[in-house]
N, C-alpha and C. Protein backbone atom coordinates (compact mmCIF):
# COMPACT_ATOMS: atom_id res chain seq x y z
N MET A 1 86.51 -86.14 43.79
CA MET A 1 87.73 -86.10 43.01
C MET A 1 88.41 -85.31 43.50
N THR A 2 90.05 -85.68 44.25
CA THR A 2 90.30 -84.73 44.65
C THR A 2 91.74 -83.94 44.08
N SER A 3 92.14 -83.10 44.22
CA SER A 3 93.01 -82.24 43.55
C SER A 3 94.03 -82.79 44.00
N ALA A 4 95.32 -83.01 42.78
CA ALA A 4 96.77 -83.63 43.25
C ALA A 4 97.34 -82.10 43.23
N SER A 5 96.88 -80.92 44.07
CA SER A 5 98.06 -80.27 43.82
C SER A 5 99.01 -80.00 44.84
N SER A 6 100.27 -79.43 44.49
CA SER A 6 101.51 -79.64 45.40
C SER A 6 101.11 -78.57 46.54
N PRO A 7 101.87 -78.56 47.49
CA PRO A 7 101.87 -77.95 48.90
C PRO A 7 102.55 -76.63 48.18
N PRO A 8 102.27 -75.26 49.30
CA PRO A 8 102.57 -74.41 48.41
C PRO A 8 104.53 -74.37 48.58
N LYS A 9 105.18 -73.81 47.74
CA LYS A 9 106.43 -73.53 48.01
C LYS A 9 106.84 -72.40 49.53
N ALA A 10 107.46 -72.58 50.33
CA ALA A 10 108.38 -72.20 51.20
C ALA A 10 108.64 -70.88 50.90
N MET A 11 108.37 -69.61 51.53
CA MET A 11 109.22 -68.49 50.63
C MET A 11 109.77 -67.77 52.17
N PRO A 12 110.94 -67.21 52.37
CA PRO A 12 111.45 -66.52 53.00
C PRO A 12 110.04 -65.24 53.76
N SER A 13 110.54 -64.82 55.07
CA SER A 13 109.69 -63.93 55.35
C SER A 13 110.01 -62.52 54.87
N ARG A 14 109.07 -61.76 55.02
CA ARG A 14 109.30 -60.06 54.31
C ARG A 14 110.06 -59.37 54.54
N GLY A 15 110.98 -59.93 56.17
CA GLY A 15 111.96 -58.99 56.55
C GLY A 15 112.95 -59.34 55.83
N TYR A 16 113.18 -60.37 55.56
CA TYR A 16 114.44 -61.59 55.22
C TYR A 16 114.75 -61.18 53.48
N LEU A 17 113.82 -60.94 52.91
CA LEU A 17 113.54 -60.81 51.56
C LEU A 17 113.94 -59.17 51.15
N ALA A 18 113.45 -58.60 52.09
CA ALA A 18 113.73 -56.86 52.19
C ALA A 18 115.19 -56.59 52.55
N VAL A 19 115.75 -57.33 53.21
CA VAL A 19 117.10 -57.11 53.44
C VAL A 19 117.75 -57.80 51.75
N ILE A 20 117.40 -58.46 51.26
CA ILE A 20 117.81 -59.24 50.01
C ILE A 20 117.78 -57.72 49.14
N ARG A 21 116.60 -57.65 48.84
CA ARG A 21 116.09 -57.09 47.92
C ARG A 21 116.96 -55.36 47.90
N THR A 22 117.07 -54.89 49.26
CA THR A 22 117.33 -53.78 49.70
C THR A 22 118.86 -53.60 49.14
N ILE A 23 119.57 -54.82 49.35
CA ILE A 23 120.96 -54.51 49.08
C ILE A 23 121.22 -54.91 47.35
N ASP A 24 120.66 -55.45 47.30
CA ASP A 24 120.46 -55.91 45.48
C ASP A 24 120.29 -54.72 44.58
N LYS A 25 118.97 -53.91 45.24
CA LYS A 25 118.87 -52.84 44.59
C LYS A 25 120.06 -51.59 44.76
N PHE A 26 120.90 -51.16 45.69
CA PHE A 26 121.70 -50.33 46.06
C PHE A 26 123.10 -51.04 45.11
N THR A 27 123.32 -52.10 45.02
CA THR A 27 124.42 -52.81 44.29
C THR A 27 124.27 -52.02 42.58
N GLU A 28 122.60 -52.52 42.75
CA GLU A 28 122.46 -52.24 40.89
C GLU A 28 122.27 -50.97 40.38
N TRP A 29 122.06 -50.07 41.39
CA TRP A 29 121.91 -48.53 41.27
C TRP A 29 123.39 -47.70 41.38
N THR A 30 123.95 -48.56 42.27
CA THR A 30 125.62 -47.79 42.52
C THR A 30 126.14 -48.44 41.45
N GLY A 31 126.00 -49.80 40.83
CA GLY A 31 126.78 -49.94 40.03
C GLY A 31 126.74 -49.41 38.51
N TYR A 32 125.66 -49.21 38.29
CA TYR A 32 125.42 -48.19 36.99
C TYR A 32 125.80 -46.90 37.08
N VAL A 33 125.68 -46.15 38.41
CA VAL A 33 126.19 -44.88 38.65
C VAL A 33 127.73 -44.80 38.32
N PHE A 34 128.42 -46.09 38.87
CA PHE A 34 129.89 -46.50 38.68
C PHE A 34 130.40 -46.42 36.79
N ILE A 35 129.47 -46.57 36.46
CA ILE A 35 129.66 -46.68 35.02
C ILE A 35 129.90 -45.59 33.99
N LEU A 36 129.46 -44.31 34.90
CA LEU A 36 130.12 -43.26 34.54
C LEU A 36 131.64 -42.59 34.85
N PHE A 37 132.23 -43.29 35.22
CA PHE A 37 133.75 -44.05 34.80
C PHE A 37 134.56 -44.16 33.39
N MET A 38 133.56 -44.51 32.85
CA MET A 38 133.88 -44.75 31.47
C MET A 38 133.75 -43.34 31.01
N ILE A 39 133.01 -42.55 31.08
CA ILE A 39 133.33 -41.07 30.49
C ILE A 39 134.52 -40.83 30.65
N PRO A 40 135.36 -40.39 31.70
CA PRO A 40 136.90 -39.70 31.93
C PRO A 40 137.66 -40.85 31.05
N LEU A 41 137.22 -42.00 31.05
CA LEU A 41 138.42 -43.19 30.19
C LEU A 41 138.27 -42.88 28.86
N ILE A 42 137.07 -43.06 28.17
CA ILE A 42 137.08 -42.86 26.71
C ILE A 42 137.45 -41.45 26.11
N PHE A 43 137.01 -40.18 26.96
CA PHE A 43 137.62 -39.20 26.89
C PHE A 43 138.99 -39.00 26.93
N ALA A 44 139.88 -39.53 27.85
CA ALA A 44 141.26 -39.45 27.79
C ALA A 44 142.04 -40.40 26.64
N ASN A 45 141.43 -41.38 26.61
CA ASN A 45 142.04 -41.95 25.19
C ASN A 45 141.98 -41.40 24.06
N VAL A 46 140.61 -41.00 23.66
CA VAL A 46 140.20 -40.21 22.51
C VAL A 46 140.73 -38.96 22.47
N ILE A 47 141.22 -38.27 23.36
CA ILE A 47 142.24 -36.70 23.83
C ILE A 47 143.41 -37.28 22.97
N GLU A 48 143.97 -38.50 23.67
CA GLU A 48 145.38 -38.99 23.34
C GLU A 48 145.65 -39.07 22.27
N VAL A 49 144.90 -40.14 21.84
CA VAL A 49 145.12 -40.33 20.45
C VAL A 49 145.10 -39.24 19.18
N PHE A 50 144.31 -38.42 19.36
CA PHE A 50 144.20 -37.24 18.43
C PHE A 50 145.60 -36.60 18.84
N ALA A 51 145.84 -36.10 20.15
CA ALA A 51 146.95 -35.60 20.51
C ALA A 51 148.07 -36.22 19.43
N ARG A 52 148.17 -37.45 19.77
CA ARG A 52 149.67 -38.13 19.87
C ARG A 52 149.30 -37.83 18.07
N TYR A 53 148.82 -38.72 17.34
CA TYR A 53 148.64 -39.24 16.09
C TYR A 53 148.12 -37.74 15.24
N VAL A 54 147.56 -36.83 15.60
CA VAL A 54 147.31 -35.98 14.63
C VAL A 54 148.21 -34.72 15.03
N LEU A 55 148.10 -34.34 16.22
CA LEU A 55 148.91 -33.15 16.34
C LEU A 55 150.17 -33.24 16.53
N ARG A 56 150.50 -34.88 16.81
CA ARG A 56 152.30 -35.24 17.17
C ARG A 56 152.33 -34.45 18.56
N GLU A 57 151.79 -34.04 19.50
CA GLU A 57 151.97 -33.58 20.68
C GLU A 57 151.19 -34.59 21.60
N PRO A 58 151.77 -35.65 22.11
CA PRO A 58 150.94 -36.46 23.36
C PRO A 58 150.99 -35.74 24.61
N THR A 59 149.54 -35.97 25.15
CA THR A 59 149.56 -35.52 26.53
C THR A 59 150.40 -36.13 27.93
N ILE A 60 150.30 -35.44 29.05
CA ILE A 60 151.10 -35.90 29.79
C ILE A 60 150.27 -36.41 31.04
N TRP A 61 149.01 -36.26 30.46
CA TRP A 61 147.84 -36.67 31.69
C TRP A 61 147.15 -37.91 31.34
N ALA A 62 147.06 -38.06 30.28
CA ALA A 62 145.91 -39.49 29.67
C ALA A 62 146.16 -40.68 30.24
N LEU A 63 147.36 -41.10 30.68
CA LEU A 63 147.62 -42.47 30.89
C LEU A 63 147.59 -42.57 32.18
N ASP A 64 147.58 -41.61 33.07
CA ASP A 64 147.00 -41.53 34.47
C ASP A 64 146.05 -41.41 34.52
N VAL A 65 144.72 -40.30 33.73
CA VAL A 65 143.28 -40.51 33.79
C VAL A 65 142.81 -42.11 33.55
N THR A 66 143.72 -42.57 32.15
CA THR A 66 142.74 -43.79 31.99
C THR A 66 143.21 -44.93 32.66
N THR A 67 144.39 -44.98 33.24
CA THR A 67 144.58 -46.10 34.49
C THR A 67 143.86 -46.13 35.72
N MET A 68 143.56 -44.61 36.11
CA MET A 68 142.56 -44.34 37.33
C MET A 68 141.21 -44.73 37.18
N SER A 69 141.16 -44.16 36.08
CA SER A 69 139.28 -44.33 35.49
C SER A 69 138.83 -45.37 35.39
N TYR A 70 139.99 -46.74 34.63
CA TYR A 70 139.54 -47.99 34.53
C TYR A 70 139.82 -48.79 35.58
N ALA A 71 141.05 -48.73 36.89
CA ALA A 71 141.08 -49.08 38.06
C ALA A 71 139.53 -49.01 38.62
N ALA A 72 139.17 -48.08 38.86
CA ALA A 72 137.79 -47.43 39.67
C ALA A 72 136.84 -48.04 39.13
N LEU A 73 136.68 -48.09 37.54
CA LEU A 73 135.41 -48.88 36.85
C LEU A 73 135.38 -50.53 37.35
N PHE A 74 136.80 -50.79 37.13
CA PHE A 74 136.98 -52.23 37.34
C PHE A 74 136.42 -52.56 38.87
N MET A 75 137.15 -52.18 39.55
CA MET A 75 136.66 -52.42 41.26
C MET A 75 135.75 -51.95 41.48
N LEU A 76 134.99 -50.89 41.37
CA LEU A 76 133.62 -50.41 41.82
C LEU A 76 132.47 -51.32 40.93
N GLY A 77 132.91 -51.98 39.73
CA GLY A 77 131.68 -52.69 39.33
C GLY A 77 131.81 -54.00 39.98
N SER A 78 132.84 -54.32 40.56
CA SER A 78 132.91 -56.15 40.87
C SER A 78 131.85 -56.14 41.83
N ALA A 79 131.09 -55.50 42.44
CA ALA A 79 129.86 -55.70 43.40
C ALA A 79 128.43 -56.04 42.40
N LEU A 80 128.59 -55.43 41.56
CA LEU A 80 127.57 -55.72 40.60
C LEU A 80 127.52 -56.77 39.78
N ALA A 81 128.75 -56.91 39.58
CA ALA A 81 129.56 -58.24 38.75
C ALA A 81 128.94 -59.52 39.70
N LEU A 82 129.50 -59.54 40.94
CA LEU A 82 128.77 -60.22 42.03
C LEU A 82 126.96 -60.39 42.03
N LEU A 83 126.49 -59.53 41.93
CA LEU A 83 124.98 -59.92 41.82
C LEU A 83 124.49 -60.31 40.90
N LYS A 84 124.96 -59.67 39.58
CA LYS A 84 124.46 -60.55 38.18
C LYS A 84 125.08 -62.08 38.20
N GLY A 85 126.31 -62.47 39.01
CA GLY A 85 126.65 -64.03 38.74
C GLY A 85 127.94 -64.07 38.04
N ALA A 86 128.59 -63.00 37.72
CA ALA A 86 129.52 -62.77 36.27
C ALA A 86 130.74 -63.13 36.83
N HIS A 87 131.55 -63.57 38.27
CA HIS A 87 132.44 -63.79 39.10
C HIS A 87 132.59 -65.33 38.51
N VAL A 88 134.10 -65.46 38.32
CA VAL A 88 134.53 -66.96 37.69
C VAL A 88 134.03 -67.81 38.70
N ARG A 89 134.14 -68.89 38.28
CA ARG A 89 133.18 -70.23 38.66
C ARG A 89 134.02 -71.37 38.00
N THR A 90 134.67 -72.23 38.51
CA THR A 90 134.90 -73.67 38.01
C THR A 90 133.48 -74.06 37.66
N ASP A 91 132.71 -74.25 36.33
CA ASP A 91 131.62 -75.08 36.28
C ASP A 91 131.23 -76.92 35.64
N MET A 92 133.10 -77.07 35.68
CA MET A 92 133.03 -78.74 35.58
C MET A 92 132.29 -78.93 36.63
N LEU A 93 132.53 -79.19 37.61
CA LEU A 93 131.92 -79.93 38.96
C LEU A 93 130.39 -79.20 38.91
N TRP A 94 130.18 -77.88 39.25
CA TRP A 94 128.99 -77.16 39.70
C TRP A 94 127.63 -77.79 39.12
N GLU A 95 127.86 -77.58 38.00
CA GLU A 95 126.32 -77.89 37.02
C GLU A 95 125.96 -79.10 37.85
N ALA A 96 126.71 -80.29 38.24
CA ALA A 96 126.07 -81.32 38.61
C ALA A 96 125.30 -81.56 40.10
N PHE A 97 125.63 -80.56 40.69
CA PHE A 97 125.30 -80.65 42.28
C PHE A 97 123.65 -79.77 41.94
N SER A 98 123.37 -80.48 42.87
CA SER A 98 122.00 -80.00 43.30
C SER A 98 121.96 -78.76 43.64
N ASP A 99 120.62 -77.85 43.87
CA ASP A 99 120.43 -76.67 44.21
C ASP A 99 121.00 -76.29 45.72
N ARG A 100 120.59 -77.60 46.42
CA ARG A 100 121.10 -77.30 47.88
C ARG A 100 122.57 -77.52 48.51
N THR A 101 122.94 -78.73 47.67
CA THR A 101 124.67 -78.58 47.45
C THR A 101 125.53 -77.21 47.45
N LYS A 102 124.74 -76.57 46.39
CA LYS A 102 125.40 -75.33 45.54
C LYS A 102 125.02 -74.17 46.77
N GLY A 103 124.31 -74.02 47.50
CA GLY A 103 123.67 -73.18 48.64
C GLY A 103 124.69 -73.65 49.95
N MET A 104 125.11 -74.73 50.12
CA MET A 104 125.67 -75.20 50.87
C MET A 104 127.20 -74.43 50.93
N ILE A 105 127.51 -75.16 49.52
CA ILE A 105 129.29 -74.62 49.30
C ILE A 105 129.10 -73.06 49.21
N ASP A 106 128.30 -72.40 48.81
CA ASP A 106 128.48 -70.87 48.80
C ASP A 106 128.27 -70.33 50.39
N SER A 107 127.57 -70.78 51.01
CA SER A 107 126.82 -70.56 52.01
C SER A 107 128.54 -70.48 53.24
N LEU A 108 129.03 -71.60 52.92
CA LEU A 108 130.31 -71.71 53.72
C LEU A 108 131.42 -71.34 53.28
N ALA A 109 131.66 -70.75 51.88
CA ALA A 109 132.67 -70.04 51.40
C ALA A 109 132.69 -68.63 51.42
N PHE A 110 131.52 -68.18 51.68
CA PHE A 110 130.82 -66.91 51.77
C PHE A 110 131.44 -66.42 53.62
N VAL A 111 131.06 -67.32 54.46
CA VAL A 111 131.24 -67.51 55.66
C VAL A 111 132.61 -67.41 56.11
N LEU A 112 133.32 -68.64 55.65
CA LEU A 112 134.78 -68.92 55.82
C LEU A 112 135.80 -68.01 55.10
N PHE A 113 135.24 -67.80 53.65
CA PHE A 113 136.55 -66.86 53.18
C PHE A 113 136.12 -65.13 52.54
N PHE A 114 135.03 -65.20 52.04
CA PHE A 114 134.31 -63.97 50.95
C PHE A 114 134.52 -62.94 52.39
N LEU A 115 133.48 -63.15 53.36
CA LEU A 115 133.16 -61.81 54.28
C LEU A 115 134.56 -61.59 55.01
N PRO A 116 135.04 -62.74 55.66
CA PRO A 116 136.18 -62.44 56.12
C PRO A 116 137.36 -61.74 55.60
N THR A 117 137.64 -62.06 54.17
CA THR A 117 138.47 -61.76 53.24
C THR A 117 138.33 -59.65 53.09
N MET A 118 136.89 -59.68 52.62
CA MET A 118 136.63 -58.32 52.74
C MET A 118 136.71 -57.71 53.87
N ILE A 119 136.59 -58.30 55.18
CA ILE A 119 136.73 -57.30 56.27
C ILE A 119 138.25 -56.70 56.38
N VAL A 120 139.12 -57.67 56.27
CA VAL A 120 140.35 -57.78 56.04
C VAL A 120 140.85 -56.36 54.89
N LEU A 121 140.37 -56.79 53.67
CA LEU A 121 141.03 -55.87 52.66
C LEU A 121 140.30 -54.67 53.01
N PHE A 122 138.93 -54.23 53.80
CA PHE A 122 138.68 -53.22 54.26
C PHE A 122 139.41 -52.27 55.34
N PHE A 123 139.88 -52.93 56.14
CA PHE A 123 140.86 -52.24 57.19
C PHE A 123 142.12 -52.27 57.28
N ILE A 124 142.46 -52.62 56.25
CA ILE A 124 143.97 -52.57 55.59
C ILE A 124 144.13 -51.46 54.70
N SER A 125 142.96 -51.11 53.29
CA SER A 125 142.84 -50.29 52.41
C SER A 125 142.15 -48.87 53.14
N ILE A 126 141.54 -49.03 54.62
CA ILE A 126 141.46 -47.62 54.65
C ILE A 126 142.43 -47.04 55.65
N ASP A 127 143.46 -47.99 55.96
CA ASP A 127 144.73 -46.98 56.68
C ASP A 127 145.31 -46.56 55.63
N ASP A 128 145.34 -47.25 54.43
CA ASP A 128 146.20 -47.01 53.01
C ASP A 128 145.65 -45.70 52.71
N PHE A 129 144.42 -45.63 52.62
CA PHE A 129 143.58 -44.67 51.91
C PHE A 129 144.09 -43.04 52.81
N PHE A 130 143.93 -43.24 54.39
CA PHE A 130 144.06 -42.21 55.00
C PHE A 130 145.32 -41.41 55.45
N TYR A 131 146.52 -42.51 55.01
CA TYR A 131 147.57 -42.04 54.88
C TYR A 131 148.39 -41.87 53.76
N SER A 132 147.82 -41.85 52.64
CA SER A 132 147.70 -41.47 51.58
C SER A 132 147.13 -40.22 51.43
N LEU A 133 146.05 -40.03 52.09
CA LEU A 133 145.79 -38.38 52.29
C LEU A 133 146.39 -37.52 52.73
N SER A 134 147.17 -38.25 54.19
CA SER A 134 147.60 -37.15 55.08
C SER A 134 149.03 -37.07 54.70
N ILE A 135 149.49 -37.88 53.54
CA ILE A 135 151.12 -37.19 52.82
C ILE A 135 150.62 -36.86 51.49
N ASP A 136 149.38 -36.41 51.12
CA ASP A 136 149.07 -36.05 49.79
C ASP A 136 150.09 -36.84 48.69
N GLU A 137 150.01 -37.97 48.68
CA GLU A 137 150.67 -38.98 47.73
C GLU A 137 150.01 -38.41 46.29
N ARG A 138 151.28 -38.47 45.71
CA ARG A 138 151.24 -38.54 44.47
C ARG A 138 151.41 -39.45 43.21
N SER A 139 151.20 -39.48 41.94
CA SER A 139 151.51 -40.29 41.19
C SER A 139 152.84 -40.62 40.58
N SER A 140 153.71 -41.40 40.39
CA SER A 140 155.16 -41.18 40.08
C SER A 140 155.57 -41.70 38.63
N SER A 141 153.98 -41.67 38.05
CA SER A 141 154.33 -42.46 36.50
C SER A 141 154.60 -41.74 35.12
N GLY A 142 154.45 -40.53 35.60
CA GLY A 142 154.74 -39.51 34.56
C GLY A 142 155.09 -37.87 35.33
N ALA A 143 154.76 -37.08 34.21
CA ALA A 143 155.17 -35.49 34.69
C ALA A 143 153.95 -35.29 35.28
N TRP A 144 152.92 -35.42 34.97
CA TRP A 144 151.58 -34.79 35.81
C TRP A 144 151.79 -35.15 37.02
N THR A 145 151.92 -35.76 37.75
CA THR A 145 151.79 -36.18 39.06
C THR A 145 150.66 -36.07 39.67
N PRO A 146 149.55 -36.55 39.43
CA PRO A 146 147.87 -36.16 40.05
C PRO A 146 148.11 -37.18 41.57
N ILE A 147 147.23 -36.77 42.43
CA ILE A 147 146.75 -37.01 43.70
C ILE A 147 146.40 -38.55 43.34
N LEU A 148 146.67 -39.49 44.70
CA LEU A 148 146.12 -40.71 44.43
C LEU A 148 145.42 -41.39 45.65
N TRP A 149 145.04 -40.19 46.24
CA TRP A 149 144.39 -40.46 47.52
C TRP A 149 142.88 -41.08 47.04
N PRO A 150 142.21 -40.22 45.65
CA PRO A 150 140.94 -41.00 45.48
C PRO A 150 141.02 -42.11 45.03
N LEU A 151 142.09 -42.62 44.60
CA LEU A 151 142.07 -43.98 43.55
C LEU A 151 142.14 -44.92 44.70
N ARG A 152 143.06 -44.66 45.77
CA ARG A 152 143.59 -45.17 47.16
C ARG A 152 142.01 -45.59 48.03
N GLY A 153 140.91 -44.41 48.04
CA GLY A 153 139.74 -44.61 48.62
C GLY A 153 138.66 -45.42 47.95
N VAL A 154 138.99 -45.58 46.81
CA VAL A 154 138.19 -46.55 45.91
C VAL A 154 138.05 -48.18 46.72
N ILE A 155 139.52 -48.54 47.05
CA ILE A 155 139.29 -49.59 47.41
C ILE A 155 138.76 -50.07 48.76
N PRO A 156 138.64 -49.46 49.84
CA PRO A 156 137.72 -49.41 50.89
C PRO A 156 136.13 -49.72 50.36
N LEU A 157 136.02 -48.80 49.40
CA LEU A 157 134.84 -48.24 49.25
C LEU A 157 134.29 -49.82 48.42
N THR A 158 135.30 -50.50 47.67
CA THR A 158 134.92 -51.61 47.07
C THR A 158 134.81 -52.71 47.98
N ALA A 159 135.89 -52.62 48.93
CA ALA A 159 135.81 -54.11 49.79
C ALA A 159 134.05 -53.64 50.66
N PHE A 160 133.78 -52.67 50.91
CA PHE A 160 132.59 -52.67 51.39
C PHE A 160 131.05 -52.88 50.82
N MET A 161 131.56 -52.54 49.67
CA MET A 161 130.32 -52.99 48.53
C MET A 161 130.46 -54.35 48.47
N LEU A 162 131.71 -54.90 47.79
CA LEU A 162 131.34 -56.31 48.02
C LEU A 162 130.84 -57.12 49.00
N PHE A 163 131.28 -56.86 50.05
CA PHE A 163 130.86 -57.03 51.65
C PHE A 163 129.12 -56.96 52.04
N LEU A 164 129.23 -55.61 51.58
CA LEU A 164 127.46 -55.77 51.61
C LEU A 164 126.64 -56.60 50.89
N GLN A 165 127.01 -56.84 49.39
CA GLN A 165 126.67 -57.60 48.39
C GLN A 165 126.78 -59.27 48.92
N GLY A 166 127.75 -59.52 49.68
CA GLY A 166 128.48 -60.83 49.92
C GLY A 166 127.20 -61.26 50.78
N ILE A 167 126.74 -60.52 51.84
CA ILE A 167 125.75 -60.68 52.91
C ILE A 167 124.49 -60.86 51.99
N SER A 168 124.16 -60.62 51.33
CA SER A 168 123.13 -60.54 50.24
C SER A 168 123.07 -62.32 49.49
N GLU A 169 124.13 -62.62 49.21
CA GLU A 169 124.53 -63.48 48.40
C GLU A 169 124.21 -64.94 49.57
N LEU A 170 124.92 -64.20 50.74
CA LEU A 170 124.72 -65.19 51.82
C LEU A 170 123.49 -65.71 52.09
N MET A 171 122.45 -64.62 51.99
CA MET A 171 121.24 -65.03 52.54
C MET A 171 120.41 -65.74 51.48
N LYS A 172 120.54 -65.54 49.89
CA LYS A 172 120.24 -66.52 49.18
C LYS A 172 120.68 -67.99 49.18
N SER A 173 122.33 -67.94 49.56
CA SER A 173 122.74 -69.28 49.59
C SER A 173 122.17 -70.28 50.65
N LEU A 174 122.12 -69.53 51.83
CA LEU A 174 121.30 -70.16 53.07
C LEU A 174 119.87 -70.48 52.97
N TRP A 175 119.68 -69.43 52.00
CA TRP A 175 118.02 -69.98 51.55
C TRP A 175 118.26 -71.45 50.72
N ALA A 176 118.65 -71.64 49.92
CA ALA A 176 118.95 -72.59 48.76
C ALA A 176 119.46 -73.68 49.44
N TRP A 177 120.25 -73.49 50.32
CA TRP A 177 120.94 -74.65 51.29
C TRP A 177 119.43 -75.57 52.25
N ARG A 178 119.04 -74.82 52.59
CA ARG A 178 117.42 -75.17 53.37
C ARG A 178 116.38 -75.51 52.50
N THR A 179 116.02 -75.26 51.47
CA THR A 179 115.26 -75.44 50.66
C THR A 179 115.29 -76.25 49.64
N GLY A 180 116.39 -76.37 48.95
CA GLY A 180 116.70 -76.77 47.96
C GLY A 180 116.46 -75.76 46.36
N GLU A 181 116.05 -74.66 46.82
CA GLU A 181 115.65 -73.74 45.77
C GLU A 181 116.45 -72.58 46.01
N PHE A 182 116.88 -71.72 44.81
CA PHE A 182 117.77 -70.58 45.43
C PHE A 182 116.37 -69.64 44.72
N LEU A 183 116.19 -68.32 45.19
CA LEU A 183 115.51 -67.74 45.40
C LEU A 183 115.88 -66.61 44.13
N THR A 184 116.86 -66.44 43.35
CA THR A 184 117.21 -65.77 42.09
C THR A 184 118.17 -66.70 41.47
N LYS A 185 117.73 -66.78 40.08
CA LYS A 185 118.75 -67.63 39.07
C LYS A 185 119.81 -66.43 38.33
N HIS A 186 121.03 -67.03 38.33
CA HIS A 186 122.02 -65.87 37.61
C HIS A 186 122.10 -66.46 36.24
N GLU A 187 121.92 -65.62 35.27
CA GLU A 187 121.94 -66.16 33.99
C GLU A 187 123.41 -66.73 33.79
N LYS A 188 123.89 -67.46 32.79
CA LYS A 188 124.96 -67.90 32.44
C LYS A 188 125.84 -66.81 31.61
N ILE A 189 126.65 -66.18 31.90
CA ILE A 189 127.45 -65.04 31.34
C ILE A 189 129.07 -65.67 31.06
N GLU A 190 129.12 -65.64 29.71
CA GLU A 190 130.14 -66.26 29.33
C GLU A 190 130.93 -65.20 28.68
N VAL A 191 132.62 -65.33 28.73
CA VAL A 191 133.43 -64.17 28.29
C VAL A 191 133.89 -64.52 27.18
């Protein structure tokens, strides 16, 4: 009696998987650390609401703290969103494609569009960050006028983190293009 066992599934090398896992773990860990930006966001809003509606004395700093912490949270969380598959995708046609076709499309998109864009964004924004730091740039949205260079520094950091996660996603997509199977499946996230 012969066994009808299927041939073993091809697996990438240990080094290939190690690169993907290292980048993914770094992205996940930093994504959860960046959630701490919710603390000043919530704190500023609670204080502002209390001061404005109970004490009838609005603050001069809450708008800037809210805007900056939300912007930082949004930007720095984008690499985690990429890891989790939460970025916008048009599903009308996508669901009909095979995993191999999806891998091919994603691989080409990462190589031709995503990674080059992150490189350009990094170099443009790092110059803006250093310039902002050199002139001690300040916000002009209110009387408080906080420094802006920390928020300007978030932009190249975001580009770097998206580039890094893009490398991991490219490697996953190349594997799917080659074998017809994704190494990881993203849960379908609907908003």
